[in-house]
């Protein structure tokens, strides 16, 4: 268990609602580094190996002690207990984005059993309602789409794609839309962003928000120039591998 020392509420940073730690488990202290920078969203790649949910980018890099529970869920539970029912004292719900790398159905079956053990602080999704708690779990990658859609009560929801903005899925099933930046945009963070692409980005954000969904992009220009465009357009979660850089940028931004 990597729970470790938890700072007092007065020592913890003001939460940054737009900050998303991409491949968070690659940092020296998974989850803990992100929380100490004030991040409100973290991403973990997960493989089902011998019945256990192991966190790693590649199958050959898994280690038996690096379970989803040890790196994330146990630490989050301790934070929630200490901080009066929230991960950040008085803060918003934290997003735990689980990128499923192994088979969708078998991994979700194992994950569902694990998440039930943490039901006390996990957001509950129902067919037509969402009960937000301290931590909201969203599944990306290999997603058991039809299985989750059939479940009347869930402790996880689905990460959609831009094409899903034209679909009919409920925001209680698919509350987040994520896609690769290059799927929709040519701009790579060098020079000014073309005005037509800036308008397109704003349009996608507006469409997602009108449907009651948040929106995120991965493989974005991971620099102040890119972050500035994402923030200005209203993108909800800004992907980064640079925790310190994005924190400093957001704390200086209006």
C-alpha atoms as a PDB file:
ATOM      1  CA  UNK A   1       0.000   0.000   0.000  1.00  0.00           C
ATOM      2  CA  UNK A   2       1.332   3.423  -0.995  1.00  0.00           C
ATOM      3  CA  UNK A   3      -0.865   5.527   1.245  1.00  0.00           C
ATOM      4  CA  UNK A   4       2.021   7.136   3.135  1.00  0.00           C
ATOM      5  CA  UNK A   5       1.947  10.528   4.831  1.00  0.00           C
ATOM      6  CA  UNK A   6      -1.106  12.680   4.154  1.00  0.00           C
ATOM      7  CA  UNK A   7      -0.634  16.436   4.674  1.00  0.00           C
ATOM      8  CA  UNK A   8      -3.129  18.262   6.859  1.00  0.00           C
ATOM      9  CA  UNK A   9      -5.920  20.062   4.957  1.00  0.00           C
ATOM     10  CA  UNK A  10      -4.183  23.398   5.519  1.00  0.00           C
ATOM     11  CA  UNK A  11      -1.025  22.075   3.830  1.00  0.00           C
ATOM     12  CA  UNK A  12      -2.794  20.754   0.739  1.00  0.00           C
ATOM     13  CA  UNK A  13      -2.982  22.837  -2.466  1.00  0.00           C
ATOM     14  CA  UNK A  14      -6.051  24.484  -3.923  1.00  0.00           C
ATOM     15  CA  UNK A  15      -7.402  21.913  -6.409  1.00  0.00           C
ATOM     16  CA  UNK A  16      -6.976  22.484 -10.134  1.00  0.00           C
ATOM     17  CA  UNK A  17     -10.157  21.229 -11.777  1.00  0.00           C
ATOM     18  CA  UNK A  18      -8.701  21.198 -15.314  1.00  0.00           C
ATOM     19  CA  UNK A  19      -5.476  19.297 -14.547  1.00  0.00           C
ATOM     20  CA  UNK A  20      -5.231  15.687 -15.779  1.00  0.00           C
ATOM     21  CA  UNK A  21      -2.136  13.564 -15.115  1.00  0.00           C
ATOM     22  CA  UNK A  22      -1.668  11.512 -18.275  1.00  0.00           C
ATOM     23  CA  UNK A  23      -0.034   8.101 -17.600  1.00  0.00           C
ATOM     24  CA  UNK A  24       0.112   9.130 -13.959  1.00  0.00           C
ATOM     25  CA  UNK A  25       1.624   5.802 -12.843  1.00  0.00           C
ATOM     26  CA  UNK A  26       4.904   6.700 -14.612  1.00  0.00           C
ATOM     27  CA  UNK A  27       5.655   9.418 -12.074  1.00  0.00           C
ATOM     28  CA  UNK A  28       7.926   8.709  -9.117  1.00  0.00           C
ATOM     29  CA  UNK A  29       4.967   8.608  -6.723  1.00  0.00           C
ATOM     30  CA  UNK A  30       1.820   7.582  -8.595  1.00  0.00           C
ATOM     31  CA  UNK A  31      -1.253   9.582  -7.559  1.00  0.00           C
ATOM     32  CA  UNK A  32       0.572  11.312  -4.692  1.00  0.00           C
ATOM     33  CA  UNK A  33       2.659  13.560  -6.957  1.00  0.00           C
ATOM     34  CA  UNK A  34      -0.451  14.590  -8.896  1.00  0.00           C
ATOM     35  CA  UNK A  35      -2.457  15.349  -5.747  1.00  0.00           C
ATOM     36  CA  UNK A  36       0.373  17.414  -4.282  1.00  0.00           C
ATOM     37  CA  UNK A  37       0.279  19.530  -7.439  1.00  0.00           C
ATOM     38  CA  UNK A  38      -3.488  19.968  -6.990  1.00  0.00           C
ATOM     39  CA  UNK A  39      -4.536  17.758  -9.905  1.00  0.00           C
ATOM     40  CA  UNK A  40      -8.150  16.586  -9.986  1.00  0.00           C
ATOM     41  CA  UNK A  41      -7.801  13.826 -12.578  1.00  0.00           C
ATOM     42  CA  UNK A  42      -5.346  10.957 -12.998  1.00  0.00           C
ATOM     43  CA  UNK A  43      -4.983   8.189 -15.582  1.00  0.00           C
ATOM     44  CA  UNK A  44      -3.881   4.601 -15.008  1.00  0.00           C
ATOM     45  CA  UNK A  45      -3.337   1.897 -17.642  1.00  0.00           C
ATOM     46  CA  UNK A  46      -4.540  -1.470 -16.337  1.00  0.00           C
ATOM     47  CA  UNK A  47      -3.910  -5.086 -17.325  1.00  0.00           C
ATOM     48  CA  UNK A  48      -5.753  -8.101 -15.954  1.00  0.00           C
ATOM     49  CA  UNK A  49      -3.043 -10.625 -15.077  1.00  0.00           C
ATOM     50  CA  UNK A  50      -3.891 -13.827 -13.199  1.00  0.00           C
ATOM     51  CA  UNK A  51      -7.035 -12.252 -11.838  1.00  0.00           C
ATOM     52  CA  UNK A  52      -5.299  -9.096 -10.600  1.00  0.00           C
ATOM     53  CA  UNK A  53      -5.563  -5.555 -11.968  1.00  0.00           C
ATOM     54  CA  UNK A  54      -1.970  -4.449 -12.518  1.00  0.00           C
ATOM     55  CA  UNK A  55      -0.969  -0.920 -13.508  1.00  0.00           C
ATOM     56  CA  UNK A  56       1.530  -0.563 -16.366  1.00  0.00           C
ATOM     57  CA  UNK A  57       1.749   0.789 -19.907  1.00  0.00           C
ATOM     58  CA  UNK A  58       2.969  -2.485 -21.434  1.00  0.00           C
ATOM     59  CA  UNK A  59       2.117  -6.081 -20.519  1.00  0.00           C
ATOM     60  CA  UNK A  60       5.760  -7.021 -20.019  1.00  0.00           C
ATOM     61  CA  UNK A  61       6.230  -4.184 -17.502  1.00  0.00           C
ATOM     62  CA  UNK A  62       3.632  -5.314 -14.939  1.00  0.00           C
ATOM     63  CA  UNK A  63       4.725  -5.973 -11.357  1.00  0.00           C
ATOM     64  CA  UNK A  64       2.601  -7.959  -8.891  1.00  0.00           C
ATOM     65  CA  UNK A  65       2.763  -5.298  -6.184  1.00  0.00           C
ATOM     66  CA  UNK A  66       1.591  -2.480  -8.491  1.00  0.00           C
ATOM     67  CA  UNK A  67      -2.120  -3.198  -8.311  1.00  0.00           C
ATOM     68  CA  UNK A  68      -4.870  -0.687  -8.957  1.00  0.00           C
ATOM     69  CA  UNK A  69      -5.842  -0.991  -5.315  1.00  0.00           C
ATOM     70  CA  UNK A  70      -2.343  -0.378  -3.923  1.00  0.00           C
ATOM     71  CA  UNK A  71      -1.417   2.511  -6.216  1.00  0.00           C
ATOM     72  CA  UNK A  72      -4.767   4.300  -6.330  1.00  0.00           C
ATOM     73  CA  UNK A  73      -7.886   3.058  -4.563  1.00  0.00           C
ATOM     74  CA  UNK A  74      -6.423   2.513  -1.095  1.00  0.00           C
ATOM     75  CA  UNK A  75      -4.669   5.890  -1.099  1.00  0.00           C
ATOM     76  CA  UNK A  76      -7.805   7.646  -2.336  1.00  0.00           C
ATOM     77  CA  UNK A  77      -9.879   6.057   0.429  1.00  0.00           C
ATOM     78  CA  UNK A  78      -7.433   7.291   3.079  1.00  0.00           C
ATOM     79  CA  UNK A  79      -7.514  10.806   1.641  1.00  0.00           C
ATOM     80  CA  UNK A  80     -11.303  10.823   1.630  1.00  0.00           C
ATOM     81  CA  UNK A  81     -11.402   9.720   5.276  1.00  0.00           C
ATOM     82  CA  UNK A  82      -8.940  12.403   6.377  1.00  0.00           C
ATOM     83  CA  UNK A  83     -10.311  15.253   4.277  1.00  0.00           C
ATOM     84  CA  UNK A  84     -13.959  15.173   5.302  1.00  0.00           C
ATOM     85  CA  UNK A  85     -15.313  13.110   2.424  1.00  0.00           C
ATOM     86  CA  UNK A  86     -13.233  14.567  -0.414  1.00  0.00           C
ATOM     87  CA  UNK A  87      -9.807  13.826  -1.877  1.00  0.00           C
ATOM     88  CA  UNK A  88      -8.926  17.531  -1.786  1.00  0.00           C
ATOM     89  CA  UNK A  89     -10.421  19.242   1.311  1.00  0.00           C
ATOM     90  CA  UNK A  90     -13.643  20.924   0.197  1.00  0.00           C
ATOM     91  CA  UNK A  91     -12.736  20.173  -3.405  1.00  0.00           C
ATOM     92  CA  UNK A  92     -14.557  18.640  -6.371  1.00  0.00           C
ATOM     93  CA  UNK A  93     -14.809  14.970  -7.256  1.00  0.00           C
ATOM     94  CA  UNK A  94     -11.563  13.458  -8.506  1.00  0.00           C
ATOM     95  CA  UNK A  95     -11.574  11.576 -11.814  1.00  0.00           C
ATOM     96  CA  UNK A  96      -9.805   8.217 -11.955  1.00  0.00           C
ATOM     97  CA  UNK A  97      -9.529   7.409 -15.655  1.00  0.00           C
ATOM     98  CA  UNK A  98      -8.773   3.705 -16.080  1.00  0.00           C
ATOM     99  CA  UNK A  99      -7.376   2.858 -19.509  1.00  0.00           C
ATOM    100  CA  UNK A 100      -8.083  -0.856 -19.977  1.00  0.00           C
ATOM    101  CA  UNK A 101      -5.293  -2.543 -21.930  1.00  0.00           C
ATOM    102  CA  UNK A 102      -6.370  -6.188 -21.660  1.00  0.00           C
ATOM    103  CA  UNK A 103      -9.614  -7.805 -22.833  1.00  0.00           C
ATOM    104  CA  UNK A 104     -12.579  -5.505 -22.264  1.00  0.00           C
ATOM    105  CA  UNK A 105     -15.091  -7.992 -20.855  1.00  0.00           C
ATOM    106  CA  UNK A 106     -12.883 -10.062 -18.562  1.00  0.00           C
ATOM    107  CA  UNK A 107     -11.081  -6.979 -17.246  1.00  0.00           C
ATOM    108  CA  UNK A 108     -14.315  -5.176 -16.506  1.00  0.00           C
ATOM    109  CA  UNK A 109     -15.725  -8.230 -14.728  1.00  0.00           C
ATOM    110  CA  UNK A 110     -12.715  -8.188 -12.386  1.00  0.00           C
ATOM    111  CA  UNK A 111     -12.778  -4.411 -12.058  1.00  0.00           C
ATOM    112  CA  UNK A 112     -16.465  -4.361 -11.178  1.00  0.00           C
ATOM    113  CA  UNK A 113     -15.815  -6.698  -8.243  1.00  0.00           C
ATOM    114  CA  UNK A 114     -12.938  -4.521  -7.047  1.00  0.00           C
ATOM    115  CA  UNK A 115     -14.853  -1.252  -7.337  1.00  0.00           C
ATOM    116  CA  UNK A 116     -17.719  -2.605  -5.232  1.00  0.00           C
ATOM    117  CA  UNK A 117     -15.274  -2.851  -2.341  1.00  0.00           C
ATOM    118  CA  UNK A 118     -14.758   0.932  -2.565  1.00  0.00           C
ATOM    119  CA  UNK A 119     -18.407   1.880  -3.039  1.00  0.00           C
ATOM    120  CA  UNK A 120     -18.336   4.164   0.007  1.00  0.00           C
ATOM    121  CA  UNK A 121     -16.532   6.929  -1.909  1.00  0.00           C
ATOM    122  CA  UNK A 122     -17.109   6.131  -5.604  1.00  0.00           C
ATOM    123  CA  UNK A 123     -19.600   7.974  -7.801  1.00  0.00           C
ATOM    124  CA  UNK A 124     -22.663   5.850  -8.575  1.00  0.00           C
ATOM    125  CA  UNK A 125     -24.042   5.795 -12.111  1.00  0.00           C
ATOM    126  CA  UNK A 126     -27.595   4.706 -12.845  1.00  0.00           C
ATOM    127  CA  UNK A 127     -29.612   4.615 -16.047  1.00  0.00           C
ATOM    128  CA  UNK A 128     -30.940   8.146 -15.652  1.00  0.00           C
ATOM    129  CA  UNK A 129     -28.987   9.610 -12.755  1.00  0.00           C
ATOM    130  CA  UNK A 130     -25.499  10.150 -11.378  1.00  0.00           C
ATOM    131  CA  UNK A 131     -24.744  10.329  -7.655  1.00  0.00           C
ATOM    132  CA  UNK A 132     -21.415  12.128  -7.439  1.00  0.00           C
ATOM    133  CA  UNK A 133     -19.120  11.132  -4.596  1.00  0.00           C
ATOM    134  CA  UNK A 134     -15.432  11.783  -3.904  1.00  0.00           C
ATOM    135  CA  UNK A 135     -13.987   9.778  -6.824  1.00  0.00           C
ATOM    136  CA  UNK A 136     -15.478   9.251 -10.274  1.00  0.00           C
ATOM    137  CA  UNK A 137     -14.187   6.232 -12.215  1.00  0.00           C
ATOM    138  CA  UNK A 138     -14.285   6.388 -16.015  1.00  0.00           C
ATOM    139  CA  UNK A 139     -13.182   3.577 -18.312  1.00  0.00           C
ATOM    140  CA  UNK A 140     -11.198   4.224 -21.463  1.00  0.00           C
ATOM    141  CA  UNK A 141      -9.271   1.974 -23.851  1.00  0.00           C
ATOM    142  CA  UNK A 142     -10.853  -1.468 -24.250  1.00  0.00           C
ATOM    143  CA  UNK A 143     -14.335  -0.729 -22.949  1.00  0.00           C
ATOM    144  CA  UNK A 144     -17.107  -3.252 -22.320  1.00  0.00           C
ATOM    145  CA  UNK A 145     -19.594  -0.890 -23.943  1.00  0.00           C
ATOM    146  CA  UNK A 146     -22.672  -3.087 -24.137  1.00  0.00           C
ATOM    147  CA  UNK A 147     -22.151  -4.642 -20.712  1.00  0.00           C
ATOM    148  CA  UNK A 148     -21.986  -1.279 -18.955  1.00  0.00           C
ATOM    149  CA  UNK A 149     -24.957   0.001 -20.950  1.00  0.00           C
ATOM    150  CA  UNK A 150     -27.080  -2.897 -19.629  1.00  0.00           C
ATOM    151  CA  UNK A 151     -26.187  -2.379 -15.976  1.00  0.00           C
ATOM    152  CA  UNK A 152     -28.697  -0.379 -13.944  1.00  0.00           C
ATOM    153  CA  UNK A 153     -26.209   0.484 -11.181  1.00  0.00           C
ATOM    154  CA  UNK A 154     -22.481   0.989 -11.858  1.00  0.00           C
ATOM    155  CA  UNK A 155     -19.384   2.352 -10.129  1.00  0.00           C
ATOM    156  CA  UNK A 156     -17.819   3.302 -13.458  1.00  0.00           C
ATOM    157  CA  UNK A 157     -18.853   5.108 -16.620  1.00  0.00           C
ATOM    158  CA  UNK A 158     -17.490   5.226 -20.163  1.00  0.00           C
ATOM    159  CA  UNK A 159     -15.052   7.508 -21.910  1.00  0.00           C
ATOM    160  CA  UNK A 160     -16.482   8.302 -25.352  1.00  0.00           C
ATOM    161  CA  UNK A 161     -14.911   9.532 -28.594  1.00  0.00           C
ATOM    162  CA  UNK A 162     -15.686  12.567 -30.740  1.00  0.00           C
ATOM    163  CA  UNK A 163     -17.946  10.435 -32.926  1.00  0.00           C
ATOM    164  CA  UNK A 164     -20.113   9.793 -29.865  1.00  0.00           C
ATOM    165  CA  UNK A 165     -21.097  13.464 -29.806  1.00  0.00           C
ATOM    166  CA  UNK A 166     -23.410  12.566 -32.697  1.00  0.00           C
ATOM    167  CA  UNK A 167     -24.746   9.472 -30.923  1.00  0.00           C
ATOM    168  CA  UNK A 168     -27.489   8.857 -28.388  1.00  0.00           C
ATOM    169  CA  UNK A 169     -25.621   7.577 -25.327  1.00  0.00           C
ATOM    170  CA  UNK A 170     -26.728   9.091 -22.047  1.00  0.00           C
ATOM    171  CA  UNK A 171     -24.279  11.358 -20.214  1.00  0.00           C
ATOM    172  CA  UNK A 172     -24.899   9.085 -17.209  1.00  0.00           C
ATOM    173  CA  UNK A 173     -23.302   6.278 -19.218  1.00  0.00           C
ATOM    174  CA  UNK A 174     -20.761   8.385 -21.137  1.00  0.00           C
ATOM    175  CA  UNK A 175     -20.012  11.576 -19.176  1.00  0.00           C
ATOM    176  CA  UNK A 176     -16.621  12.222 -20.789  1.00  0.00           C
ATOM    177  CA  UNK A 177     -15.535  12.531 -24.418  1.00  0.00           C
ATOM    178  CA  UNK A 178     -11.833  11.996 -25.165  1.00  0.00           C
ATOM    179  CA  UNK A 179      -9.945  11.711 -28.418  1.00  0.00           C
ATOM    180  CA  UNK A 180      -6.507  12.030 -29.953  1.00  0.00           C
ATOM    181  CA  UNK A 181      -5.746  15.663 -30.770  1.00  0.00           C
ATOM    182  CA  UNK A 182      -4.601  14.830 -34.310  1.00  0.00           C
ATOM    183  CA  UNK A 183      -7.983  13.221 -35.039  1.00  0.00           C
ATOM    184  CA  UNK A 184      -9.475  16.691 -35.352  1.00  0.00           C
ATOM    185  CA  UNK A 185      -6.612  19.207 -35.519  1.00  0.00           C
ATOM    186  CA  UNK A 186      -3.463  19.841 -37.562  1.00  0.00           C
ATOM    187  CA  UNK A 187      -1.968  22.443 -35.204  1.00  0.00           C
ATOM    188  CA  UNK A 188       0.919  21.026 -33.160  1.00  0.00           C
ATOM    189  CA  UNK A 189       1.622  23.955 -30.855  1.00  0.00           C
ATOM    190  CA  UNK A 190       4.063  25.801 -33.122  1.00  0.00           C
ATOM    191  CA  UNK A 191       3.071  29.338 -34.031  1.00  0.00           C
ATOM    192  CA  UNK A 192      -0.462  30.680 -33.650  1.00  0.00           C
ATOM    193  CA  UNK A 193      -3.358  28.220 -33.734  1.00  0.00           C
ATOM    194  CA  UNK A 194      -5.266  28.647 -37.027  1.00  0.00           C
ATOM    195  CA  UNK A 195      -8.499  30.516 -36.469  1.00  0.00           C
ATOM    196  CA  UNK A 196     -10.624  27.846 -38.162  1.00  0.00           C
ATOM    197  CA  UNK A 197      -9.213  25.203 -35.821  1.00  0.00           C
ATOM    198  CA  UNK A 198      -9.781  27.459 -32.826  1.00  0.00           C
ATOM    199  CA  UNK A 199     -13.431  27.790 -33.839  1.00  0.00           C
ATOM    200  CA  UNK A 200     -13.695  24.037 -34.354  1.00  0.00           C
ATOM    201  CA  UNK A 201     -12.290  23.355 -30.891  1.00  0.00           C
ATOM    202  CA  UNK A 202     -14.743  25.756 -29.302  1.00  0.00           C
ATOM    203  CA  UNK A 203     -17.601  24.163 -31.242  1.00  0.00           C
ATOM    204  CA  UNK A 204     -16.709  20.665 -30.011  1.00  0.00           C
ATOM    205  CA  UNK A 205     -16.498  21.890 -26.423  1.00  0.00           C
ATOM    206  CA  UNK A 206     -19.862  23.641 -26.738  1.00  0.00           C
ATOM    207  CA  UNK A 207     -21.456  20.520 -28.212  1.00  0.00           C
ATOM    208  CA  UNK A 208     -20.123  18.302 -25.417  1.00  0.00           C
ATOM    209  CA  UNK A 209     -21.225  20.698 -22.699  1.00  0.00           C
ATOM    210  CA  UNK A 210     -24.701  21.026 -24.223  1.00  0.00           C
ATOM    211  CA  UNK A 211     -25.021  17.254 -23.831  1.00  0.00           C
ATOM    212  CA  UNK A 212     -23.897  17.329 -20.199  1.00  0.00           C
ATOM    213  CA  UNK A 213     -20.481  15.836 -20.942  1.00  0.00           C
ATOM    214  CA  UNK A 214     -16.897  16.899 -20.266  1.00  0.00           C
ATOM    215  CA  UNK A 215     -14.265  16.796 -22.988  1.00  0.00           C
ATOM    216  CA  UNK A 216     -10.546  15.934 -23.119  1.00  0.00           C
ATOM    217  CA  UNK A 217      -7.862  15.380 -25.754  1.00  0.00           C
ATOM    218  CA  UNK A 218      -4.705  13.296 -25.574  1.00  0.00           C
ATOM    219  CA  UNK A 219      -1.420  13.732 -27.442  1.00  0.00           C
ATOM    220  CA  UNK A 220      -2.024  17.483 -27.261  1.00  0.00           C
ATOM    221  CA  UNK A 221       0.625  20.188 -27.636  1.00  0.00           C
ATOM    222  CA  UNK A 222       1.917  19.779 -24.067  1.00  0.00           C
ATOM    223  CA  UNK A 223       3.196  23.318 -23.550  1.00  0.00           C
ATOM    224  CA  UNK A 224       1.909  26.685 -22.314  1.00  0.00           C
ATOM    225  CA  UNK A 225       0.882  27.608 -25.854  1.00  0.00           C
ATOM    226  CA  UNK A 226      -1.225  24.467 -26.160  1.00  0.00           C
ATOM    227  CA  UNK A 227      -2.611  24.693 -22.630  1.00  0.00           C
ATOM    228  CA  UNK A 228      -3.653  28.295 -23.253  1.00  0.00           C
ATOM    229  CA  UNK A 229      -5.756  27.320 -26.280  1.00  0.00           C
ATOM    230  CA  UNK A 230      -7.365  24.391 -24.466  1.00  0.00           C
ATOM    231  CA  UNK A 231      -8.208  26.484 -21.434  1.00  0.00           C
ATOM    232  CA  UNK A 232      -9.577  29.366 -23.498  1.00  0.00           C
ATOM    233  CA  UNK A 233     -11.847  26.996 -25.425  1.00  0.00           C
ATOM    234  CA  UNK A 234     -13.250  25.512 -22.215  1.00  0.00           C
ATOM    235  CA  UNK A 235     -11.702  22.036 -22.475  1.00  0.00           C
ATOM    236  CA  UNK A 236     -12.452  20.376 -19.154  1.00  0.00           C
ATOM    237  CA  UNK A 237      -9.383  18.191 -18.631  1.00  0.00           C
ATOM    238  CA  UNK A 238      -5.976  19.286 -19.904  1.00  0.00           C
ATOM    239  CA  UNK A 239      -3.713  16.307 -20.515  1.00  0.00           C
ATOM    240  CA  UNK A 240      -0.102  16.617 -19.411  1.00  0.00           C
ATOM    241  CA  UNK A 241       3.018  14.674 -18.495  1.00  0.00           C
ATOM    242  CA  UNK A 242       4.473  17.861 -16.981  1.00  0.00           C
ATOM    243  CA  UNK A 243       2.807  18.166 -13.576  1.00  0.00           C
ATOM    244  CA  UNK A 244       4.886  21.072 -12.343  1.00  0.00           C
ATOM    245  CA  UNK A 245       4.593  23.045 -15.582  1.00  0.00           C
ATOM    246  CA  UNK A 246       0.827  22.747 -15.894  1.00  0.00           C
ATOM    247  CA  UNK A 247       0.299  23.563 -12.228  1.00  0.00           C
ATOM    248  CA  UNK A 248       2.313  26.772 -12.533  1.00  0.00           C
ATOM    249  CA  UNK A 249       0.480  27.707 -15.738  1.00  0.00           C
ATOM    250  CA  UNK A 250      -2.995  27.153 -14.261  1.00  0.00           C
ATOM    251  CA  UNK A 251      -2.228  28.998 -11.037  1.00  0.00           C
ATOM    252  CA  UNK A 252      -1.205  32.056 -13.070  1.00  0.00           C
ATOM    253  CA  UNK A 253      -4.270  31.864 -15.333  1.00  0.00           C
ATOM    254  CA  UNK A 254      -7.554  33.674 -14.596  1.00  0.00           C
END
